[in-house]
Protein backbone atom coordinates (compact mmCIF):
# COMPACT_ATOMS: atom_id res chain seq x y z
CA UNK A 1 -0.14 -0.18 0.05
CA UNK A 2 1.18 3.31 -0.59
CA UNK A 3 1.00 6.00 2.07
CA UNK A 4 -0.11 9.37 0.71
CA UNK A 5 -0.40 12.47 2.19
CA UNK A 6 -2.54 15.35 0.98
CA UNK A 7 -1.39 18.82 1.70
CA UNK A 8 -3.32 22.09 1.23
CA UNK A 9 -1.26 25.03 1.74
CA UNK A 10 -3.38 28.30 2.36
CA UNK A 11 -1.75 31.24 4.25
CA UNK A 12 -3.62 34.04 5.70
CA UNK A 13 -1.77 36.92 4.32
CA UNK A 14 -3.36 37.43 0.96
CA UNK A 15 -2.62 40.75 -1.06
CA UNK A 16 -4.46 40.31 -4.31
CA UNK A 17 -7.99 39.67 -2.57
CA UNK A 18 -8.17 39.57 1.13
CA UNK A 19 -9.14 36.09 2.84
CA UNK A 20 -9.50 34.68 -0.45
CA UNK A 21 -8.73 31.11 0.76
CA UNK A 22 -11.93 31.56 3.08
CA UNK A 23 -13.80 33.97 0.74
CA UNK A 24 -17.39 32.82 -0.22
CA UNK A 25 -17.51 31.40 -3.64
CA UNK A 26 -21.26 29.94 -4.75
CA UNK A 27 -21.96 30.38 -0.90
CA UNK A 28 -18.73 28.06 0.61
CA UNK A 29 -15.73 29.13 1.29
CA UNK A 30 -13.00 28.83 -1.61
CA UNK A 31 -10.74 26.15 0.50
CA UNK A 32 -13.85 23.73 0.94
CA UNK A 33 -13.81 22.74 -2.75
CA UNK A 34 -10.18 21.45 -2.60
CA UNK A 35 -10.76 19.60 0.82
CA UNK A 36 -13.96 17.76 -0.70
CA UNK A 37 -12.25 16.95 -3.93
CA UNK A 38 -9.52 15.38 -1.73
CA UNK A 39 -11.86 13.40 0.48
CA UNK A 40 -14.00 12.12 -2.40
CA UNK A 41 -10.99 10.72 -3.98
CA UNK A 42 -10.45 8.72 -1.15
CA UNK A 43 -7.32 7.13 -1.36
CA UNK A 44 -5.78 9.23 1.39
CA UNK A 45 -7.33 9.99 5.15
CA UNK A 46 -4.74 12.53 5.71
CA UNK A 47 -5.78 15.45 4.47
CA UNK A 48 -3.65 18.44 5.97
CA UNK A 49 -3.92 22.08 5.82
CA UNK A 50 -0.74 23.95 6.29
CA UNK A 51 -1.97 27.54 7.58
CA UNK A 52 -0.64 30.46 9.79
CA UNK A 53 -4.03 31.61 10.03
CA UNK A 54 -6.04 30.44 13.02
CA UNK A 55 -9.51 31.43 10.62
CA UNK A 56 -8.51 29.20 7.89
CA UNK A 57 -7.53 26.35 10.25
CA UNK A 58 -11.06 26.37 11.81
CA UNK A 59 -12.86 26.56 8.39
CA UNK A 60 -10.82 23.31 6.93
CA UNK A 61 -11.60 21.50 10.34
CA UNK A 62 -15.09 22.41 9.68
CA UNK A 63 -14.78 20.75 6.32
CA UNK A 64 -13.17 17.67 7.40
CA UNK A 65 -9.24 18.22 6.78
CA UNK A 66 -6.67 18.03 9.64
CA UNK A 67 -4.66 21.26 10.82
CA UNK A 68 -2.15 19.19 13.31
CA UNK A 69 0.27 22.26 13.55
CA UNK A 70 0.50 25.57 12.34
CA UNK A 71 2.96 27.11 9.89
CA UNK A 72 5.56 28.94 11.05
CA UNK A 73 6.27 32.75 10.49
CA UNK A 74 9.51 32.17 8.53
CA UNK A 75 7.22 29.99 6.04
CA UNK A 76 4.30 32.32 5.90
CA UNK A 77 5.44 35.58 4.29
CA UNK A 78 4.60 36.89 0.75
CA UNK A 79 8.24 35.59 -0.51
CA UNK A 80 7.96 32.30 0.80
CA UNK A 81 8.43 29.67 -1.86
CA UNK A 82 6.27 26.74 -1.61
CA UNK A 83 8.28 23.88 -1.65
CA UNK A 84 9.76 24.39 1.76
CA UNK A 85 5.90 24.80 3.08
CA UNK A 86 5.06 21.38 1.47
CA UNK A 87 8.45 19.95 2.80
CA UNK A 88 7.60 21.18 6.44
CA UNK A 89 3.97 19.62 6.27
CA UNK A 90 5.61 16.41 5.49
CA UNK A 91 8.08 16.31 8.20
CA UNK A 92 5.44 17.51 10.66
CA UNK A 93 2.87 15.25 10.02
CA UNK A 94 5.28 12.38 9.68
CA UNK A 95 6.35 13.24 13.69
CA UNK A 96 2.64 13.61 14.32
CA UNK A 97 1.05 10.63 13.14
CA UNK A 98 4.31 8.20 13.46
CA UNK A 99 4.10 7.45 9.79
CA UNK A 100 6.07 7.60 6.73
CA UNK A 101 4.60 8.61 3.48
CA UNK A 102 5.68 7.46 -0.02
CA UNK A 103 3.61 10.23 -1.79
CA UNK A 104 2.86 13.69 -1.43
CA UNK A 105 -0.14 15.33 -3.26
CA UNK A 106 -0.17 18.79 -2.96
CA UNK A 107 -3.40 20.78 -3.98
CA UNK A 108 -3.84 24.47 -4.59
CA UNK A 109 -6.80 26.07 -3.19
CA UNK A 110 -6.70 28.69 -5.84
CA UNK A 111 -7.10 26.42 -8.80
CA UNK A 112 -9.92 24.56 -7.81
CA UNK A 113 -11.14 23.24 -10.86
CA UNK A 114 -10.32 18.98 -10.42
CA UNK A 115 -12.48 16.61 -9.60
CA UNK A 116 -11.62 12.81 -8.01
CA UNK A 117 -11.17 11.44 -11.46
CA UNK A 118 -8.20 13.72 -12.17
CA UNK A 119 -6.59 12.71 -9.26
CA UNK A 120 -7.08 9.20 -10.00
CA UNK A 121 -5.72 9.57 -13.11
CA UNK A 122 -2.56 11.39 -11.78
CA UNK A 123 -1.94 8.49 -9.22
CA UNK A 124 -2.26 5.92 -12.28
CA UNK A 125 -0.09 7.80 -14.45
CA UNK A 126 2.38 8.25 -11.26
CA UNK A 127 2.59 4.60 -10.37
CA UNK A 128 3.13 3.63 -14.00
CA UNK A 129 5.70 5.79 -14.54
CA UNK A 130 7.94 6.46 -11.29
CA UNK A 131 8.77 9.92 -11.94
CA UNK A 132 10.16 12.34 -9.11
CA UNK A 133 7.35 14.60 -9.85
CA UNK A 134 4.00 15.00 -11.79
CA UNK A 135 2.20 18.35 -12.06
CA UNK A 136 -1.07 19.32 -13.97
CA UNK A 137 -1.11 21.27 -17.15
CA UNK A 138 -3.36 22.84 -19.60
CA UNK A 139 -2.63 23.85 -23.75
CA UNK A 140 -0.89 26.89 -23.79
CA UNK A 141 -2.43 29.89 -25.62
CA UNK A 142 0.69 30.85 -26.74
CA UNK A 143 3.50 29.18 -28.26
CA UNK A 144 7.25 30.35 -27.89
CA UNK A 145 7.93 28.47 -31.41
CA UNK A 146 5.24 30.45 -32.93
CA UNK A 147 3.84 33.95 -31.28
CA UNK A 148 6.10 34.35 -28.27
CA UNK A 149 8.86 36.83 -28.20
CA UNK A 150 11.52 38.39 -26.21
CA UNK A 151 13.82 41.44 -26.35
CA UNK A 152 17.49 41.17 -27.22
CA UNK A 153 20.20 43.02 -25.63
CA UNK A 154 20.31 45.18 -28.67
CA UNK A 155 16.51 46.30 -28.29
CA UNK A 156 15.52 44.02 -31.44
CA UNK A 157 12.98 41.26 -30.78
CA UNK A 158 13.17 37.39 -31.54
CA UNK A 159 11.42 34.34 -30.94
CA UNK A 160 11.71 32.74 -27.84
CA UNK A 161 12.67 29.52 -29.27
CA UNK A 162 13.60 28.87 -32.86
CA UNK A 163 13.54 25.70 -35.18
CA UNK A 164 15.49 25.22 -38.20
CA UNK A 165 12.36 25.88 -40.36
CA UNK A 166 10.40 28.84 -39.72
CA UNK A 167 6.66 27.89 -38.02
CA UNK A 168 4.32 30.06 -40.03
CA UNK A 169 1.04 28.23 -38.59
CA UNK A 170 0.64 27.73 -34.90
CA UNK A 171 -0.77 24.45 -35.19
CA UNK A 172 2.55 23.41 -36.94
CA UNK A 173 4.58 24.29 -33.50
CA UNK A 174 5.60 21.67 -30.86
CA UNK A 175 2.74 21.27 -28.40
CA UNK A 176 3.46 23.45 -25.39
CA UNK A 177 1.58 23.90 -22.02
CA UNK A 178 0.71 26.03 -19.07
CA UNK A 179 1.37 24.88 -15.52
CA UNK A 180 -2.22 25.36 -14.01
CA UNK A 181 -0.95 24.90 -10.20
CA UNK A 182 -3.95 22.65 -9.55
CA UNK A 183 -1.90 19.06 -8.94
CA UNK A 184 1.21 18.05 -7.72
CA UNK A 185 2.44 14.54 -6.61
CA UNK A 186 5.89 14.53 -5.18
CA UNK A 187 7.93 11.42 -4.37
CA UNK A 188 9.02 11.62 -0.85
CA UNK A 189 12.53 11.37 -1.40
CA UNK A 190 12.70 13.64 -4.11
CA UNK A 191 10.76 16.33 -2.10
CA UNK A 192 13.09 15.72 0.78
CA UNK A 193 16.39 16.54 -1.55
CA UNK A 194 17.82 19.70 -0.99
CA UNK A 195 17.96 20.64 -4.55
CA UNK A 196 14.13 20.01 -5.24
CA UNK A 197 13.40 23.15 -6.32
CA UNK A 198 16.58 23.27 -8.59
CA UNK A 199 15.85 19.84 -10.14
CA UNK A 200 12.13 20.53 -10.47
CA UNK A 201 12.50 19.56 -14.21
CA UNK A 202 14.77 16.64 -14.05
CA UNK A 203 12.28 13.85 -13.97
CA UNK A 204 9.19 15.40 -14.10
CA UNK A 205 5.93 14.07 -16.43
CA UNK A 206 2.68 15.93 -16.74
CA UNK A 207 -1.21 15.49 -16.50
CA UNK A 208 -3.16 17.56 -18.89
CA UNK A 209 -6.38 18.95 -17.94
CA UNK A 210 -9.59 20.68 -19.35
CA UNK A 211 -8.51 23.92 -20.73
CA UNK A 212 -10.97 25.54 -18.29
CA UNK A 213 -8.92 24.27 -15.45
CA UNK A 214 -5.96 26.74 -15.80
CA UNK A 215 -8.15 29.48 -14.16
CA UNK A 216 -6.60 30.59 -11.20
CA UNK A 217 -8.52 32.75 -8.60
CA UNK A 218 -6.34 35.67 -7.47
CA UNK A 219 -7.94 38.76 -8.11
CA UNK A 220 -11.92 39.98 -7.44
CA UNK A 221 -12.72 39.63 -10.94
CA UNK A 222 -11.86 36.04 -10.78
CA UNK A 223 -14.44 34.77 -8.19
CA UNK A 224 -17.08 36.51 -10.37
CA UNK A 225 -15.81 34.96 -13.60
CA UNK A 226 -15.57 31.36 -11.70
CA UNK A 227 -19.37 31.96 -10.64
CA UNK A 228 -20.25 32.68 -13.90
CA UNK A 229 -18.67 29.59 -15.42
CA UNK A 230 -20.21 27.32 -12.67
CA UNK A 231 -23.69 28.82 -13.15
CA UNK A 232 -23.88 28.42 -16.78
CA UNK A 233 -22.56 24.93 -16.33
CA UNK A 234 -19.46 25.07 -17.71
CA UNK A 235 -17.54 23.62 -14.91
CA UNK A 236 -18.28 21.87 -11.88
CA UNK A 237 -16.57 21.93 -8.49
């Protein structure tokens, strides 16, 4: 059996939208959707929210997640990277629950468009391929081989990536993807490596999700747009 830890990282100090992790979306706190998806997947009973906010911790417990520790201030600032937060959650949970985890699944609260089928598909692909990391993506709207440019030191523009023959149609360019920050599957040993961040793409695979799942809630207007998509039946969460 694979011991799976599900982490949901939700700090209290949001600048874009105040208290966005517990902000109501269709009458329910935003974080509740991610917690419910984790519970409905049912491969892990250890669903842990890492937060520095007593309010977020209270809401998380109301919806069935655990908050066995509070995140330290050193990992709760605006500039704190996420991987150390997940590492901290893993080490704390292994001490608290007296258990060694094989697989850590991190789910982002602000990209809640996923369902248990996505998680199960990720799990099956991860187990079949044995990567260090699996992360979810959506098809990119822009392509560095066709319509993405960068400015050179001389002030002139060029395509970000060049092929021997010029690509004149977007359909002929190599497929590229946007990371949608929704689902991450980490091998325990890889996550605990000191160079985990630097080696992020060393042995990683992707899971392609529905195009709308790339929408991230980070501004006031995002809540309105997400509610519109739900009301119109274009997405379900």
